[in-house]
Amino acid sequence: MHDTFIFQFLFVSAVLIVCLPQESIAVPGCIRICAGSVYDPVCGVNGRTYSNECHARCEYVPVRCRGSCPCGGCVCTAEYDPVCGIDGRTYSNPCSARCSGIYSYRPGECSNGKRY
């Protein structure tokens, strides 16, 4: 019985070590560990909604907020400091881009004239 407990402890510890580091590459097989998890959506810092925190961690994505993306409750200033989002739209400032779920952008307006 004692050996079984030690084995289970070591197995769970190994899974946590493999699945929880904050890196950029997903862990093969980690999603299977989350398969029985409850649906409790979270929004990752990459703007993608995950079915729960376990799935986000398996892909090494820190959680930005609970619930689906984009995260609610954004309050931004009216300062005009335009950024061009990866979606090709110009946002009035970085905060408004992030509140729209756009986390990858460059300084300045987009050349296509689309505004958001």
PDB file of N, CA and C in Angstrom:
ATOM      1  N   MET A   1       0.827  -1.187   0.000  1.00  0.00           N
ATOM      2  CA  MET A   1       0.000   0.000   0.000  1.00  0.00           C
ATOM      3  C   MET A   1       0.877   1.259   0.000  1.00  0.00           C
ATOM      4  N   HIS A   2       1.916   1.251   0.831  1.00  0.00           N
ATOM      5  CA  HIS A   2       2.820   2.391   0.912  1.00  0.00           C
ATOM      6  C   HIS A   2       3.518   2.629  -0.430  1.00  0.00           C
ATOM      7  N   ASP A   3       3.930   1.548  -1.099  1.00  0.00           N
ATOM      8  CA  ASP A   3       4.586   1.659  -2.404  1.00  0.00           C
ATOM      9  C   ASP A   3       3.645   2.248  -3.443  1.00  0.00           C
ATOM     10  N   THR A   4       2.367   1.881  -3.391  1.00  0.00           N
ATOM     11  CA  THR A   4       1.376   2.418  -4.328  1.00  0.00           C
ATOM     12  C   THR A   4       1.233   3.922  -4.142  1.00  0.00           C
ATOM     13  N   PHE A   5       1.178   4.362  -2.900  1.00  0.00           N
ATOM     14  CA  PHE A   5       1.071   5.792  -2.614  1.00  0.00           C
ATOM     15  C   PHE A   5       2.286   6.548  -3.151  1.00  0.00           C
ATOM     16  N   ILE A   6       3.459   6.013  -2.910  1.00  0.00           N
ATOM     17  CA  ILE A   6       4.684   6.660  -3.393  1.00  0.00           C
ATOM     18  C   ILE A   6       4.687   6.720  -4.914  1.00  0.00           C
ATOM     19  N   PHE A   7       4.295   5.632  -5.568  1.00  0.00           N
ATOM     20  CA  PHE A   7       4.238   5.622  -7.030  1.00  0.00           C
ATOM     21  C   PHE A   7       3.257   6.681  -7.536  1.00  0.00           C
ATOM     22  N   GLN A   8       2.069   6.754  -6.942  1.00  0.00           N
ATOM     23  CA  GLN A   8       1.072   7.745  -7.368  1.00  0.00           C
ATOM     24  C   GLN A   8       1.596   9.159  -7.156  1.00  0.00           C
ATOM     25  N   PHE A   9       2.243   9.391  -6.028  1.00  0.00           N
ATOM     26  CA  PHE A   9       2.803  10.705  -5.747  1.00  0.00           C
ATOM     27  C   PHE A   9       3.856  11.081  -6.787  1.00  0.00           C
ATOM     28  N   LEU A  10       4.744  10.157  -7.087  1.00  0.00           N
ATOM     29  CA  LEU A  10       5.787  10.427  -8.076  1.00  0.00           C
ATOM     30  C   LEU A  10       5.204  10.648  -9.462  1.00  0.00           C
ATOM     31  N   PHE A  11       4.169   9.876  -9.819  1.00  0.00           N
ATOM     32  CA  PHE A  11       3.536  10.043 -11.126  1.00  0.00           C
ATOM     33  C   PHE A  11       2.896  11.420 -11.241  1.00  0.00           C
ATOM     34  N   VAL A  12       2.127  11.811 -10.240  1.00  0.00           N
ATOM     35  CA  VAL A  12       1.470  13.128 -10.260  1.00  0.00           C
ATOM     36  C   VAL A  12       2.520  14.230 -10.281  1.00  0.00           C
ATOM     37  N   SER A  13       3.581  14.084  -9.516  1.00  0.00           N
ATOM     38  CA  SER A  13       4.651  15.084  -9.509  1.00  0.00           C
ATOM     39  C   SER A  13       5.289  15.215 -10.884  1.00  0.00           C
ATOM     40  N   ALA A  14       5.530  14.098 -11.546  1.00  0.00           N
ATOM     41  CA  ALA A  14       6.124  14.125 -12.887  1.00  0.00           C
ATOM     42  C   ALA A  14       5.196  14.813 -13.873  1.00  0.00           C
ATOM     43  N   VAL A  15       3.900  14.540 -13.781  1.00  0.00           N
ATOM     44  CA  VAL A  15       2.926  15.179 -14.674  1.00  0.00           C
ATOM     45  C   VAL A  15       2.933  16.679 -14.453  1.00  0.00           C
ATOM     46  N   LEU A  16       2.939  17.112 -13.207  1.00  0.00           N
ATOM     47  CA  LEU A  16       2.948  18.547 -12.922  1.00  0.00           C
ATOM     48  C   LEU A  16       4.220  19.206 -13.419  1.00  0.00           C
ATOM     49  N   ILE A  17       5.340  18.553 -13.273  1.00  0.00           N
ATOM     50  CA  ILE A  17       6.598  19.112 -13.760  1.00  0.00           C
ATOM     51  C   ILE A  17       6.569  19.252 -15.275  1.00  0.00           C
ATOM     52  N   VAL A  18       6.016  18.277 -15.962  1.00  0.00           N
ATOM     53  CA  VAL A  18       5.967  18.300 -17.423  1.00  0.00           C
ATOM     54  C   VAL A  18       4.919  19.275 -17.925  1.00  0.00           C
ATOM     55  N   CYS A  19       3.770  19.347 -17.273  1.00  0.00           N
ATOM     56  CA  CYS A  19       2.646  20.107 -17.814  1.00  0.00           C
ATOM     57  C   CYS A  19       2.557  21.550 -17.359  1.00  0.00           C
ATOM     58  N   LEU A  20       3.242  21.963 -16.335  1.00  0.00           N
ATOM     59  CA  LEU A  20       3.014  23.294 -15.814  1.00  0.00           C
ATOM     60  C   LEU A  20       4.081  24.347 -16.100  1.00  0.00           C
ATOM     61  N   PRO A  21       5.256  24.036 -16.603  1.00  0.00           N
ATOM     62  CA  PRO A  21       6.229  25.097 -16.849  1.00  0.00           C
ATOM     63  C   PRO A  21       5.704  26.105 -17.870  1.00  0.00           C
ATOM     64  N   GLN A  22       6.099  27.355 -17.715  1.00  0.00           N
ATOM     65  CA  GLN A  22       5.643  28.401 -18.629  1.00  0.00           C
ATOM     66  C   GLN A  22       6.611  28.495 -19.807  1.00  0.00           C
ATOM     67  N   GLU A  23       6.416  27.687 -20.809  1.00  0.00           N
ATOM     68  CA  GLU A  23       7.245  27.681 -22.001  1.00  0.00           C
ATOM     69  C   GLU A  23       6.350  27.954 -23.189  1.00  0.00           C
ATOM     70  N   SER A  24       6.842  27.753 -24.391  1.00  0.00           N
ATOM     71  CA  SER A  24       6.047  28.071 -25.569  1.00  0.00           C
ATOM     72  C   SER A  24       5.662  26.853 -26.396  1.00  0.00           C
ATOM     73  N   ILE A  25       6.026  25.657 -25.970  1.00  0.00           N
ATOM     74  CA  ILE A  25       5.722  24.457 -26.744  1.00  0.00           C
ATOM     75  C   ILE A  25       4.781  23.572 -25.937  1.00  0.00           C
ATOM     76  N   ALA A  26       3.721  23.082 -26.577  1.00  0.00           N
ATOM     77  CA  ALA A  26       2.759  22.220 -25.888  1.00  0.00           C
ATOM     78  C   ALA A  26       3.395  20.878 -25.537  1.00  0.00           C
ATOM     79  N   VAL A  27       2.923  20.294 -24.466  1.00  0.00           N
ATOM     80  CA  VAL A  27       3.434  19.004 -24.013  1.00  0.00           C
ATOM     81  C   VAL A  27       2.605  17.890 -24.630  1.00  0.00           C
ATOM     82  N   PRO A  28       3.213  16.972 -25.389  1.00  0.00           N
ATOM     83  CA  PRO A  28       2.461  15.861 -25.961  1.00  0.00           C
ATOM     84  C   PRO A  28       1.824  15.024 -24.853  1.00  0.00           C
ATOM     85  N   GLY A  29       0.555  14.694 -25.019  1.00  0.00           N
ATOM     86  CA  GLY A  29      -0.147  13.865 -24.053  1.00  0.00           C
ATOM     87  C   GLY A  29      -0.714  14.609 -22.862  1.00  0.00           C
ATOM     88  N   CYS A  30      -0.349  15.839 -22.675  1.00  0.00           N
ATOM     89  CA  CYS A  30      -0.830  16.592 -21.521  1.00  0.00           C
ATOM     90  C   CYS A  30      -2.339  16.813 -21.607  1.00  0.00           C
ATOM     91  N   ILE A  31      -2.867  17.022 -22.791  1.00  0.00           N
ATOM     92  CA  ILE A  31      -4.307  17.255 -22.966  1.00  0.00           C
ATOM     93  C   ILE A  31      -5.103  16.058 -22.463  1.00  0.00           C
ATOM     94  N   ARG A  32      -4.579  14.848 -22.616  1.00  0.00           N
ATOM     95  CA  ARG A  32      -5.290  13.662 -22.117  1.00  0.00           C
ATOM     96  C   ARG A  32      -5.498  13.741 -20.613  1.00  0.00           C
ATOM     97  N   ILE A  33      -4.568  14.329 -19.912  1.00  0.00           N
ATOM     98  CA  ILE A  33      -4.690  14.472 -18.465  1.00  0.00           C
ATOM     99  C   ILE A  33      -5.867  15.382 -18.135  1.00  0.00           C
ATOM    100  N   CYS A  34      -6.136  16.354 -18.992  1.00  0.00           N
ATOM    101  CA  CYS A  34      -7.219  17.312 -18.769  1.00  0.00           C
ATOM    102  C   CYS A  34      -8.557  16.815 -19.301  1.00  0.00           C
ATOM    103  N   ALA A  35      -8.583  15.672 -19.947  1.00  0.00           N
ATOM    104  CA  ALA A  35      -9.779  15.200 -20.649  1.00  0.00           C
ATOM    105  C   ALA A  35     -11.026  15.156 -19.776  1.00  0.00           C
ATOM    106  N   GLY A  36     -10.909  14.776 -18.527  1.00  0.00           N
ATOM    107  CA  GLY A  36     -12.077  14.679 -17.662  1.00  0.00           C
ATOM    108  C   GLY A  36     -12.393  15.966 -16.923  1.00  0.00           C
ATOM    109  N   SER A  37     -11.673  17.029 -17.235  1.00  0.00           N
ATOM    110  CA  SER A  37     -11.858  18.295 -16.531  1.00  0.00           C
ATOM    111  C   SER A  37     -13.200  18.932 -16.858  1.00  0.00           C
ATOM    112  N   VAL A  38     -13.686  19.706 -15.929  1.00  0.00           N
ATOM    113  CA  VAL A  38     -14.950  20.426 -16.079  1.00  0.00           C
ATOM    114  C   VAL A  38     -14.766  21.587 -17.047  1.00  0.00           C
ATOM    115  N   TYR A  39     -15.829  21.926 -17.803  1.00  0.00           N
ATOM    116  CA  TYR A  39     -15.780  23.079 -18.695  1.00  0.00           C
ATOM    117  C   TYR A  39     -15.886  24.342 -17.848  1.00  0.00           C
ATOM    118  N   ASP A  40     -14.830  25.095 -17.810  1.00  0.00           N
ATOM    119  CA  ASP A  40     -14.750  26.334 -17.048  1.00  0.00           C
ATOM    120  C   ASP A  40     -13.823  27.251 -17.841  1.00  0.00           C
ATOM    121  N   PRO A  41     -14.343  27.886 -18.916  1.00  0.00           N
ATOM    122  CA  PRO A  41     -13.489  28.591 -19.875  1.00  0.00           C
ATOM    123  C   PRO A  41     -12.609  29.673 -19.255  1.00  0.00           C
ATOM    124  N   VAL A  42     -11.419  29.800 -19.839  1.00  0.00           N
ATOM    125  CA  VAL A  42     -10.480  30.847 -19.459  1.00  0.00           C
ATOM    126  C   VAL A  42      -9.929  31.474 -20.734  1.00  0.00           C
ATOM    127  N   CYS A  43      -9.517  32.714 -20.621  1.00  0.00           N
ATOM    128  CA  CYS A  43      -8.923  33.427 -21.753  1.00  0.00           C
ATOM    129  C   CYS A  43      -7.422  33.504 -21.520  1.00  0.00           C
ATOM    130  N   GLY A  44      -6.652  32.983 -22.462  1.00  0.00           N
ATOM    131  CA  GLY A  44      -5.198  33.031 -22.368  1.00  0.00           C
ATOM    132  C   GLY A  44      -4.662  34.387 -22.777  1.00  0.00           C
ATOM    133  N   VAL A  45      -3.429  34.668 -22.395  1.00  0.00           N
ATOM    134  CA  VAL A  45      -2.819  35.942 -22.759  1.00  0.00           C
ATOM    135  C   VAL A  45      -2.627  36.069 -24.269  1.00  0.00           C
ATOM    136  N   ASN A  46      -2.776  34.962 -24.988  1.00  0.00           N
ATOM    137  CA  ASN A  46      -2.667  34.981 -26.447  1.00  0.00           C
ATOM    138  C   ASN A  46      -3.998  35.308 -27.117  1.00  0.00           C
ATOM    139  N   GLY A  47      -5.043  35.578 -26.318  1.00  0.00           N
ATOM    140  CA  GLY A  47      -6.347  35.931 -26.880  1.00  0.00           C
ATOM    141  C   GLY A  47      -7.202  34.745 -27.264  1.00  0.00           C
ATOM    142  N   ARG A  48      -6.780  33.550 -26.936  1.00  0.00           N
ATOM    143  CA  ARG A  48      -7.528  32.338 -27.282  1.00  0.00           C
ATOM    144  C   ARG A  48      -8.282  31.815 -26.060  1.00  0.00           C
ATOM    145  N   THR A  49      -9.524  31.354 -26.279  1.00  0.00           N
ATOM    146  CA  THR A  49     -10.311  30.779 -25.197  1.00  0.00           C
ATOM    147  C   THR A  49      -9.999  29.293 -25.074  1.00  0.00           C
ATOM    148  N   TYR A  50      -9.726  28.850 -23.848  1.00  0.00           N
ATOM    149  CA  TYR A  50      -9.462  27.442 -23.546  1.00  0.00           C
ATOM    150  C   TYR A  50     -10.615  26.907 -22.705  1.00  0.00           C
ATOM    151  N   SER A  51     -10.908  25.625 -22.833  1.00  0.00           N
ATOM    152  CA  SER A  51     -12.050  25.049 -22.122  1.00  0.00           C
ATOM    153  C   SER A  51     -11.868  25.060 -20.608  1.00  0.00           C
ATOM    154  N   ASN A  52     -10.637  25.117 -20.137  1.00  0.00           N
ATOM    155  CA  ASN A  52     -10.365  25.271 -18.707  1.00  0.00           C
ATOM    156  C   ASN A  52      -8.881  25.591 -18.518  1.00  0.00           C
ATOM    157  N   GLU A  53      -8.509  25.885 -17.285  1.00  0.00           N
ATOM    158  CA  GLU A  53      -7.132  26.280 -16.998  1.00  0.00           C
ATOM    159  C   GLU A  53      -6.133  25.165 -17.296  1.00  0.00           C
ATOM    160  N   CYS A  54      -6.556  23.914 -17.116  1.00  0.00           N
ATOM    161  CA  CYS A  54      -5.670  22.782 -17.399  1.00  0.00           C
ATOM    162  C   CYS A  54      -5.248  22.780 -18.871  1.00  0.00           C
ATOM    163  N   HIS A  55      -6.200  22.999 -19.772  1.00  0.00           N
ATOM    164  CA  HIS A  55      -5.881  23.012 -21.205  1.00  0.00           C
ATOM    165  C   HIS A  55      -4.946  24.171 -21.550  1.00  0.00           C
ATOM    166  N   ALA A  56      -5.158  25.328 -20.942  1.00  0.00           N
ATOM    167  CA  ALA A  56      -4.274  26.472 -21.193  1.00  0.00           C
ATOM    168  C   ALA A  56      -2.858  26.160 -20.711  1.00  0.00           C
ATOM    169  N   ARG A  57      -2.741  25.578 -19.528  1.00  0.00           N
ATOM    170  CA  ARG A  57      -1.421  25.246 -18.984  1.00  0.00           C
ATOM    171  C   ARG A  57      -0.711  24.204 -19.826  1.00  0.00           C
ATOM    172  N   CYS A  58      -1.466  23.267 -20.390  1.00  0.00           N
ATOM    173  CA  CYS A  58      -0.839  22.242 -21.231  1.00  0.00           C
ATOM    174  C   CYS A  58      -0.182  22.848 -22.463  1.00  0.00           C
ATOM    175  N   GLU A  59      -0.664  24.010 -22.885  1.00  0.00           N
ATOM    176  CA  GLU A  59      -0.052  24.696 -24.023  1.00  0.00           C
ATOM    177  C   GLU A  59       0.842  25.836 -23.552  1.00  0.00           C
ATOM    178  N   TYR A  60       1.148  25.850 -22.248  1.00  0.00           N
ATOM    179  CA  TYR A  60       2.020  26.855 -21.642  1.00  0.00           C
ATOM    180  C   TYR A  60       1.539  28.278 -21.871  1.00  0.00           C
ATOM    181  N   VAL A  61       0.231  28.479 -21.785  1.00  0.00           N
ATOM    182  CA  VAL A  61      -0.340  29.810 -21.972  1.00  0.00           C
ATOM    183  C   VAL A  61      -0.861  30.302 -20.625  1.00  0.00           C
ATOM    184  N   PRO A  62      -0.298  31.382 -20.088  1.00  0.00           N
ATOM    185  CA  PRO A  62      -0.831  31.937 -18.847  1.00  0.00           C
ATOM    186  C   PRO A  62      -2.261  32.438 -19.051  1.00  0.00           C
ATOM    187  N   VAL A  63      -3.063  32.342 -18.009  1.00  0.00           N
ATOM    188  CA  VAL A  63      -4.459  32.778 -18.070  1.00  0.00           C
ATOM    189  C   VAL A  63      -4.534  34.275 -17.813  1.00  0.00           C
ATOM    190  N   ARG A  64      -5.242  34.987 -18.703  1.00  0.00           N
ATOM    191  CA  ARG A  64      -5.436  36.431 -18.532  1.00  0.00           C
ATOM    192  C   ARG A  64      -6.643  36.708 -17.659  1.00  0.00           C
ATOM    193  N   CYS A  65      -7.751  35.943 -17.884  1.00  0.00           N
ATOM    194  CA  CYS A  65      -8.962  36.127 -17.088  1.00  0.00           C
ATOM    195  C   CYS A  65      -9.821  34.881 -17.181  1.00  0.00           C
ATOM    196  N   ARG A  66     -10.761  34.742 -16.271  1.00  0.00           N
ATOM    197  CA  ARG A  66     -11.724  33.644 -16.310  1.00  0.00           C
ATOM    198  C   ARG A  66     -12.832  34.018 -17.275  1.00  0.00           C
ATOM    199  N   GLY A  67     -13.374  33.016 -17.981  1.00  0.00           N
ATOM    200  CA  GLY A  67     -14.414  33.268 -18.972  1.00  0.00           C
ATOM    201  C   GLY A  67     -13.819  33.308 -20.367  1.00  0.00           C
ATOM    202  N   SER A  68     -14.696  33.420 -21.356  1.00  0.00           N
ATOM    203  CA  SER A  68     -14.264  33.442 -22.759  1.00  0.00           C
ATOM    204  C   SER A  68     -13.592  34.757 -23.115  1.00  0.00           C
ATOM    205  N   CYS A  69     -12.755  34.721 -24.126  1.00  0.00           N
ATOM    206  CA  CYS A  69     -12.105  35.925 -24.644  1.00  0.00           C
ATOM    207  C   CYS A  69     -13.110  36.730 -25.467  1.00  0.00           C
ATOM    208  N   PRO A  70     -12.963  38.013 -25.588  1.00  0.00           N
ATOM    209  CA  PRO A  70     -11.973  38.818 -24.876  1.00  0.00           C
ATOM    210  C   PRO A  70     -12.388  39.026 -23.428  1.00  0.00           C
ATOM    211  N   CYS A  71     -11.423  39.379 -22.610  1.00  0.00           N
ATOM    212  CA  CYS A  71     -11.709  39.630 -21.199  1.00  0.00           C
ATOM    213  C   CYS A  71     -12.551  40.895 -21.086  1.00  0.00           C
ATOM    214  N   GLY A  72     -13.559  40.830 -20.275  1.00  0.00           N
ATOM    215  CA  GLY A  72     -14.436  41.988 -20.094  1.00  0.00           C
ATOM    216  C   GLY A  72     -13.851  42.976 -19.105  1.00  0.00           C
ATOM    217  N   GLY A  73     -14.555  44.040 -18.942  1.00  0.00           N
ATOM    218  CA  GLY A  73     -14.164  45.029 -17.952  1.00  0.00           C
ATOM    219  C   GLY A  73     -12.988  45.888 -18.361  1.00  0.00           C
ATOM    220  N   CYS A  74     -12.701  45.970 -19.641  1.00  0.00           N
ATOM    221  CA  CYS A  74     -11.584  46.801 -20.083  1.00  0.00           C
ATOM    222  C   CYS A  74     -11.970  48.272 -20.006  1.00  0.00           C
ATOM    223  N   VAL A  75     -11.091  49.044 -19.443  1.00  0.00           N
ATOM    224  CA  VAL A  75     -11.266  50.488 -19.405  1.00  0.00           C
ATOM    225  C   VAL A  75      -9.975  51.081 -19.938  1.00  0.00           C
ATOM    226  N   CYS A  76     -10.080  51.790 -21.056  1.00  0.00           N
ATOM    227  CA  CYS A  76      -8.897  52.384 -21.682  1.00  0.00           C
ATOM    228  C   CYS A  76      -9.032  53.901 -21.722  1.00  0.00           C
ATOM    229  N   THR A  77      -7.915  54.571 -21.771  1.00  0.00           N
ATOM    230  CA  THR A  77      -7.931  56.027 -21.920  1.00  0.00           C
ATOM    231  C   THR A  77      -8.273  56.373 -23.363  1.00  0.00           C
ATOM    232  N   ALA A  78      -8.599  57.625 -23.594  1.00  0.00           N
ATOM    233  CA  ALA A  78      -8.917  58.091 -24.945  1.00  0.00           C
ATOM    234  C   ALA A  78      -7.660  58.539 -25.689  1.00  0.00           C
ATOM    235  N   GLU A  79      -6.498  58.343 -25.087  1.00  0.00           N
ATOM    236  CA  GLU A  79      -5.235  58.737 -25.710  1.00  0.00           C
ATOM    237  C   GLU A  79      -5.097  58.082 -27.082  1.00  0.00           C
ATOM    238  N   TYR A  80      -4.734  58.888 -28.088  1.00  0.00           N
ATOM    239  CA  TYR A  80      -4.556  58.339 -29.430  1.00  0.00           C
ATOM    240  C   TYR A  80      -3.087  57.998 -29.622  1.00  0.00           C
ATOM    241  N   ASP A  81      -2.813  56.722 -29.599  1.00  0.00           N
ATOM    242  CA  ASP A  81      -1.466  56.180 -29.785  1.00  0.00           C
ATOM    243  C   ASP A  81      -1.649  54.940 -30.650  1.00  0.00           C
ATOM    244  N   PRO A  82      -1.956  55.134 -31.950  1.00  0.00           N
ATOM    245  CA  PRO A  82      -2.423  54.038 -32.804  1.00  0.00           C
ATOM    246  C   PRO A  82      -1.459  52.861 -32.919  1.00  0.00           C
ATOM    247  N   VAL A  83      -2.073  51.681 -33.013  1.00  0.00           N
ATOM    248  CA  VAL A  83      -1.330  50.451 -33.265  1.00  0.00           C
ATOM    249  C   VAL A  83      -2.066  49.676 -34.349  1.00  0.00           C
ATOM    250  N   CYS A  84      -1.306  48.947 -35.139  1.00  0.00           N
ATOM    251  CA  CYS A  84      -1.879  48.112 -36.191  1.00  0.00           C
ATOM    252  C   CYS A  84      -1.915  46.682 -35.670  1.00  0.00           C
ATOM    253  N   GLY A  85      -3.126  46.155 -35.509  1.00  0.00           N
ATOM    254  CA  GLY A  85      -3.291  44.801 -35.003  1.00  0.00           C
ATOM    255  C   GLY A  85      -2.958  43.759 -36.043  1.00  0.00           C
ATOM    256  N   ILE A  86      -2.684  42.551 -35.571  1.00  0.00           N
ATOM    257  CA  ILE A  86      -2.379  41.442 -36.467  1.00  0.00           C
ATOM    258  C   ILE A  86      -3.558  41.144 -37.387  1.00  0.00           C
ATOM    259  N   ASP A  87      -4.749  41.637 -37.023  1.00  0.00           N
ATOM    260  CA  ASP A  87      -5.945  41.443 -37.845  1.00  0.00           C
ATOM    261  C   ASP A  87      -6.066  42.490 -38.948  1.00  0.00           C
ATOM    262  N   GLY A  88      -5.076  43.405 -39.045  1.00  0.00           N
ATOM    263  CA  GLY A  88      -5.085  44.412 -40.098  1.00  0.00           C
ATOM    264  C   GLY A  88      -5.922  45.637 -39.783  1.00  0.00           C
ATOM    265  N   ARG A  89      -6.382  45.778 -38.553  1.00  0.00           N
ATOM    266  CA  ARG A  89      -7.180  46.941 -38.154  1.00  0.00           C
ATOM    267  C   ARG A  89      -6.352  47.872 -37.281  1.00  0.00           C
ATOM    268  N   THR A  90      -6.619  49.171 -37.409  1.00  0.00           N
ATOM    269  CA  THR A  90      -5.953  50.161 -36.575  1.00  0.00           C
ATOM    270  C   THR A  90      -6.764  50.358 -35.302  1.00  0.00           C
ATOM    271  N   TYR A  91      -6.101  50.282 -34.165  1.00  0.00           N
ATOM    272  CA  TYR A  91      -6.728  50.512 -32.863  1.00  0.00           C
ATOM    273  C   TYR A  91      -6.180  51.813 -32.298  1.00  0.00           C
ATOM    274  N   SER A  92      -6.999  52.529 -31.548  1.00  0.00           N
ATOM    275  CA  SER A  92      -6.596  53.851 -31.068  1.00  0.00           C
ATOM    276  C   SER A  92      -5.409  53.811 -30.110  1.00  0.00           C
ATOM    277  N   ASN A  93      -5.214  52.706 -29.426  1.00  0.00           N
ATOM    278  CA  ASN A  93      -4.057  52.551 -28.541  1.00  0.00           C
ATOM    279  C   ASN A  93      -3.895  51.068 -28.190  1.00  0.00           C
ATOM    280  N   PRO A  94      -2.775  50.686 -27.599  1.00  0.00           N
ATOM    281  CA  PRO A  94      -2.561  49.267 -27.271  1.00  0.00           C
ATOM    282  C   PRO A  94      -3.648  48.675 -26.373  1.00  0.00           C
ATOM    283  N   CYS A  95      -4.160  49.472 -25.441  1.00  0.00           N
ATOM    284  CA  CYS A  95      -5.197  48.976 -24.539  1.00  0.00           C
ATOM    285  C   CYS A  95      -6.449  48.574 -25.312  1.00  0.00           C
ATOM    286  N   SER A  96      -6.880  49.403 -26.260  1.00  0.00           N
ATOM    287  CA  SER A  96      -8.091  49.066 -27.025  1.00  0.00           C
ATOM    288  C   SER A  96      -7.865  47.832 -27.899  1.00  0.00           C
ATOM    289  N   ALA A  97      -6.648  47.623 -28.358  1.00  0.00           N
ATOM    290  CA  ALA A  97      -6.344  46.408 -29.127  1.00  0.00           C
ATOM    291  C   ALA A  97      -6.477  45.183 -28.227  1.00  0.00           C
ATOM    292  N   ARG A  98      -5.864  45.232 -27.049  1.00  0.00           N
ATOM    293  CA  ARG A  98      -5.934  44.101 -26.118  1.00  0.00           C
ATOM    294  C   ARG A  98      -7.372  43.824 -25.688  1.00  0.00           C
ATOM    295  N   CYS A  99      -8.153  44.877 -25.460  1.00  0.00           N
ATOM    296  CA  CYS A  99      -9.556  44.695 -25.059  1.00  0.00           C
ATOM    297  C   CYS A  99     -10.373  44.048 -26.170  1.00  0.00           C
ATOM    298  N   SER A 100      -9.912  44.147 -27.389  1.00  0.00           N
ATOM    299  CA  SER A 100     -10.590  43.512 -28.524  1.00  0.00           C
ATOM    300  C   SER A 100     -10.036  42.119 -28.801  1.00  0.00           C
ATOM    301  N   GLY A 101      -9.143  41.659 -27.938  1.00  0.00           N
ATOM    302  CA  GLY A 101      -8.583  40.321 -28.100  1.00  0.00           C
ATOM    303  C   GLY A 101      -7.379  40.266 -29.018  1.00  0.00           C
ATOM    304  N   ILE A 102      -6.817  41.422 -29.350  1.00  0.00           N
ATOM    305  CA  ILE A 102      -5.639  41.485 -30.221  1.00  0.00           C
ATOM    306  C   ILE A 102      -4.416  41.740 -29.345  1.00  0.00           C
ATOM    307  N   TYR A 103      -3.531  40.747 -29.279  1.00  0.00           N
ATOM    308  CA  TYR A 103      -2.357  40.851 -28.417  1.00  0.00           C
ATOM    309  C   TYR A 103      -1.068  40.981 -29.209  1.00  0.00           C
ATOM    310  N   SER A 104      -1.184  40.937 -30.515  1.00  0.00           N
ATOM    311  CA  SER A 104      -0.019  41.103 -31.371  1.00  0.00           C
ATOM    312  C   SER A 104      -0.292  42.293 -32.282  1.00  0.00           C
ATOM    313  N   TYR A 105       0.526  43.322 -32.161  1.00  0.00           N
ATOM    314  CA  TYR A 105       0.331  44.539 -32.942  1.00  0.00           C
ATOM    315  C   TYR A 105       1.660  45.263 -33.062  1.00  0.00           C
ATOM    316  N   ARG A 106       1.687  46.240 -33.961  1.00  0.00           N
ATOM    317  CA  ARG A 106       2.890  47.055 -34.130  1.00  0.00           C
ATOM    318  C   ARG A 106       2.497  48.522 -33.993  1.00  0.00           C
ATOM    319  N   PRO A 107       3.420  49.380 -33.638  1.00  0.00           N
ATOM    320  CA  PRO A 107       3.107  50.804 -33.505  1.00  0.00           C
ATOM    321  C   PRO A 107       2.681  51.406 -34.843  1.00  0.00           C
ATOM    322  N   GLY A 108       1.779  52.373 -34.790  1.00  0.00           N
ATOM    323  CA  GLY A 108       1.345  53.089 -35.981  1.00  0.00           C
ATOM    324  C   GLY A 108       0.069  52.536 -36.577  1.00  0.00           C
ATOM    325  N   GLU A 109      -0.485  53.297 -37.520  1.00  0.00           N
ATOM    326  CA  GLU A 109      -1.719  52.892 -38.191  1.00  0.00           C
ATOM    327  C   GLU A 109      -1.439  51.823 -39.240  1.00  0.00           C
ATOM    328  N   CYS A 110      -2.458  51.029 -39.535  1.00  0.00           N
ATOM    329  CA  CYS A 110      -2.353  50.039 -40.611  1.00  0.00           C
ATOM    330  C   CYS A 110      -2.438  50.774 -41.945  1.00  0.00           C
ATOM    331  N   SER A 111      -1.773  50.272 -42.942  1.00  0.00           N
ATOM    332  CA  SER A 111      -1.751  50.934 -44.250  1.00  0.00           C
ATOM    333  C   SER A 111      -3.023  50.707 -45.056  1.00  0.00           C
ATOM    334  N   ASN A 112      -3.873  49.744 -44.658  1.00  0.00           N
ATOM    335  CA  ASN A 112      -5.078  49.445 -45.434  1.00  0.00           C
ATOM    336  C   ASN A 112      -6.249  50.366 -45.106  1.00  0.00           C
ATOM    337  N   GLY A 113      -6.110  51.219 -44.091  1.00  0.00           N
ATOM    338  CA  GLY A 113      -7.153  52.179 -43.754  1.00  0.00           C
ATOM    339  C   GLY A 113      -8.264  51.653 -42.860  1.00  0.00           C
ATOM    340  N   LYS A 114      -8.263  50.366 -42.519  1.00  0.00           N
ATOM    341  CA  LYS A 114      -9.305  49.822 -41.636  1.00  0.00           C
ATOM    342  C   LYS A 114      -9.084  50.336 -40.218  1.00  0.00           C
ATOM    343  N   ARG A 115     -10.170  50.805 -39.620  1.00  0.00           N
ATOM    344  CA  ARG A 115     -10.103  51.288 -38.234  1.00  0.00           C
ATOM    345  C   ARG A 115     -11.083  50.518 -37.389  1.00  0.00           C
ATOM    346  N   TYR A 116     -10.766  50.425 -36.124  1.00  0.00           N
ATOM    347  CA  TYR A 116     -11.675  49.755 -35.202  1.00  0.00           C
ATOM    348  C   TYR A 116     -11.939  50.670 -34.043  1.00  0.00           C
TER     349      TYR A 116
END
